[in-house]
C-alpha atoms as a PDB file:
ATOM      1  CA  MET A   1     117.481 117.953  77.986  1.00  0.00           C
ATOM      2  CA  SER A   2     119.016 121.569  77.829  1.00  0.00           C
ATOM      3  CA  ARG A   3     122.105 122.952  79.016  1.00  0.00           C
ATOM      4  CA  ASN A   4     122.222 125.913  81.370  1.00  0.00           C
ATOM      5  CA  TYR A   5     124.895 128.475  81.031  1.00  0.00           C
ATOM      6  CA  ASN A   6     125.812 130.292  84.022  1.00  0.00           C
ATOM      7  CA  TYR A   7     127.155 134.099  84.042  1.00  0.00           C
ATOM      8  CA  ARG A   8     128.125 136.792  86.343  1.00  0.00           C
ATOM      9  CA  ILE A   9     127.073 140.133  84.817  1.00  0.00           C
ATOM     10  CA  THR A  10     128.940 143.063  85.957  1.00  0.00           C
ATOM     11  CA  VAL A  11     127.960 146.782  85.074  1.00  0.00           C
ATOM     12  CA  THR A  12     130.946 148.858  85.753  1.00  0.00           C
ATOM     13  CA  PRO A  13     130.435 152.883  85.524  1.00  0.00           C
ATOM     14  CA  THR A  14     133.017 154.335  83.162  1.00  0.00           C
ATOM     15  CA  GLY A  15     133.998 158.072  82.892  1.00  0.00           C
ATOM     16  CA  VAL A  16     133.767 160.848  85.452  1.00  0.00           C
ATOM     17  CA  PRO A  17     130.753 161.480  87.522  1.00  0.00           C
ATOM     18  CA  GLU A  18     128.871 164.717  86.729  1.00  0.00           C
ATOM     19  CA  ASP A  19     129.108 167.435  89.357  1.00  0.00           C
ATOM     20  CA  GLY A  20     127.315 166.374  92.501  1.00  0.00           C
ATOM     21  CA  MET A  21     127.100 162.768  91.520  1.00  0.00           C
ATOM     22  CA  ALA A  22     128.485 160.173  93.549  1.00  0.00           C
ATOM     23  CA  LEU A  23     130.953 157.862  92.168  1.00  0.00           C
ATOM     24  CA  ARG A  24     129.104 154.383  91.734  1.00  0.00           C
ATOM     25  CA  LEU A  25     130.678 151.059  92.513  1.00  0.00           C
ATOM     26  CA  PRO A  26     130.311 148.269  89.975  1.00  0.00           C
ATOM     27  CA  PHE A  27     127.190 146.117  90.361  1.00  0.00           C
ATOM     28  CA  SER A  28     127.106 142.519  89.800  1.00  0.00           C
ATOM     29  CA  PHE A  29     124.842 139.492  89.578  1.00  0.00           C
ATOM     30  CA  ASP A  30     124.497 135.998  88.481  1.00  0.00           C
ATOM     31  CA  ALA A  31     122.255 134.841  85.760  1.00  0.00           C
ATOM     32  CA  THR A  32     121.519 131.433  84.209  1.00  0.00           C
ATOM     33  CA  ASN A  33     120.532 131.242  80.725  1.00  0.00           C
ATOM     34  CA  HIS A  34     119.465 128.229  78.233  1.00  0.00           C
ATOM     35  CA  ASP A  35     121.600 129.882  75.430  1.00  0.00           C
ATOM     36  CA  ASP A  36     125.356 130.488  75.055  1.00  0.00           C
ATOM     37  CA  ILE A  37     125.157 134.296  75.423  1.00  0.00           C
ATOM     38  CA  ILE A  38     128.719 134.751  74.366  1.00  0.00           C
ATOM     39  CA  GLY A  39     128.119 132.672  71.037  1.00  0.00           C
ATOM     40  CA  LEU A  40     125.178 134.730  70.287  1.00  0.00           C
ATOM     41  CA  ILE A  41     127.093 138.014  70.641  1.00  0.00           C
ATOM     42  CA  GLU A  42     129.640 136.874  68.289  1.00  0.00           C
ATOM     43  CA  ARG A  43     126.810 135.766  65.694  1.00  0.00           C
ATOM     44  CA  ALA A  44     125.128 139.079  66.249  1.00  0.00           C
ATOM     45  CA  ARG A  45     128.342 141.089  65.687  1.00  0.00           C
ATOM     46  CA  ALA A  46     128.758 139.328  62.370  1.00  0.00           C
ATOM     47  CA  ALA A  47     125.055 139.407  60.938  1.00  0.00           C
ATOM     48  CA  SER A  48     123.151 142.302  62.918  1.00  0.00           C
ATOM     49  CA  GLY A  49     124.564 145.360  61.131  1.00  0.00           C
ATOM     50  CA  LEU A  50     125.118 146.779  64.408  1.00  0.00           C
ATOM     51  CA  SER A  51     128.288 148.208  66.031  1.00  0.00           C
ATOM     52  CA  PRO A  52     130.076 145.501  68.000  1.00  0.00           C
ATOM     53  CA  ASP A  53     129.025 147.050  71.435  1.00  0.00           C
ATOM     54  CA  ALA A  54     125.453 147.625  70.272  1.00  0.00           C
ATOM     55  CA  ALA A  55     125.365 143.906  69.223  1.00  0.00           C
ATOM     56  CA  ALA A  56     126.799 142.861  72.505  1.00  0.00           C
ATOM     57  CA  SER A  57     124.179 145.218  74.511  1.00  0.00           C
ATOM     58  CA  MET A  58     121.184 144.008  72.526  1.00  0.00           C
ATOM     59  CA  VAL A  59     121.984 140.237  72.863  1.00  0.00           C
ATOM     60  CA  VAL A  60     122.613 140.654  76.664  1.00  0.00           C
ATOM     61  CA  GLY A  61     119.776 142.586  77.418  1.00  0.00           C
ATOM     62  CA  LEU A  62     117.477 140.565  75.068  1.00  0.00           C
ATOM     63  CA  LYS A  63     118.655 137.290  76.406  1.00  0.00           C
ATOM     64  CA  LEU A  64     118.409 138.444  80.298  1.00  0.00           C
ATOM     65  CA  LEU A  65     115.059 139.802  79.707  1.00  0.00           C
ATOM     66  CA  SER A  66     113.532 136.732  77.804  1.00  0.00           C
ATOM     67  CA  GLU A  67     115.117 134.206  80.070  1.00  0.00           C
ATOM     68  CA  VAL A  68     113.287 135.984  83.088  1.00  0.00           C
ATOM     69  CA  MET A  69     110.062 135.902  80.995  1.00  0.00           C
ATOM     70  CA  LEU A  70     110.453 132.196  80.177  1.00  0.00           C
ATOM     71  CA  ARG A  71     110.921 131.432  83.908  1.00  0.00           C
ATOM     72  CA  GLU A  72     108.106 133.794  84.975  1.00  0.00           C
ATOM     73  CA  LYS A  73     105.426 132.494  82.552  1.00  0.00           C
ATOM     74  CA  ALA A  74     102.854 132.910  84.981  1.00  0.00           C
ATOM     75  CA  ASN A  75     103.473 136.632  85.786  1.00  0.00           C
ATOM     76  CA  PRO A  76     101.362 139.124  84.045  1.00  0.00           C
ATOM     77  CA  LEU A  77     103.953 141.720  84.286  1.00  0.00           C
ATOM     78  CA  PHE A  78     105.400 140.375  81.109  1.00  0.00           C
ATOM     79  CA  ASP A  79     102.173 139.957  79.205  1.00  0.00           C
ATOM     80  CA  PRO A  80     102.674 143.228  77.196  1.00  0.00           C
ATOM     81  CA  LEU A  81     105.979 142.229  75.965  1.00  0.00           C
ATOM     82  CA  ARG A  82     105.559 138.502  75.195  1.00  0.00           C
ATOM     83  CA  GLY A  83     104.384 138.771  71.590  1.00  0.00           C
ATOM     84  CA  GLY A  84     106.685 141.386  70.330  1.00  0.00           C
ATOM     85  CA  VAL A  85     109.888 139.812  72.145  1.00  0.00           C
ATOM     86  CA  LYS A  86     108.792 136.468  70.219  1.00  0.00           C
ATOM     87  CA  GLU A  87     108.491 138.146  67.142  1.00  0.00           C
ATOM     88  CA  PHE A  88     111.702 140.174  67.481  1.00  0.00           C
ATOM     89  CA  ILE A  89     113.841 137.036  68.358  1.00  0.00           C
ATOM     90  CA  GLY A  90     112.165 135.179  65.456  1.00  0.00           C
ATOM     91  CA  ALA A  91     113.323 138.122  63.094  1.00  0.00           C
ATOM     92  CA  LEU A  92     116.670 138.121  64.521  1.00  0.00           C
ATOM     93  CA  LYS A  93     117.279 134.345  63.800  1.00  0.00           C
ATOM     94  CA  GLU A  94     116.053 134.692  60.384  1.00  0.00           C
ATOM     95  CA  ARG A  95     118.223 137.499  59.680  1.00  0.00           C
ATOM     96  CA  GLY A  96     121.091 135.352  61.093  1.00  0.00           C
ATOM     97  CA  ARG A  97     120.185 132.467  58.751  1.00  0.00           C
ATOM     98  CA  ASP A  98     120.168 134.821  55.677  1.00  0.00           C
ATOM     99  CA  ARG A  99     123.697 136.044  56.316  1.00  0.00           C
ATOM    100  CA  GLN A 100     125.173 132.627  56.760  1.00  0.00           C
END
């Protein structure tokens, strides 16, 4: 039996809007994942070779997308991505093991 981790994801605009652009309010949504995303971010920051922010962005984006793909197995929308995402996750895990 796997544990679910529950998150509130918030996207907050930073900086000053360009001329004519409206100021956007933060956007939040709830997400559930079978992995500890915060733990994965910490490991990716140590092992990915990316900047801390790039590593966090990669993990959050990848885990949100892959969880939706897992929950929507029958949805053909994700068919073009399935093989590539699986291969990428495998390579990322291997890279993490190599750096331990």
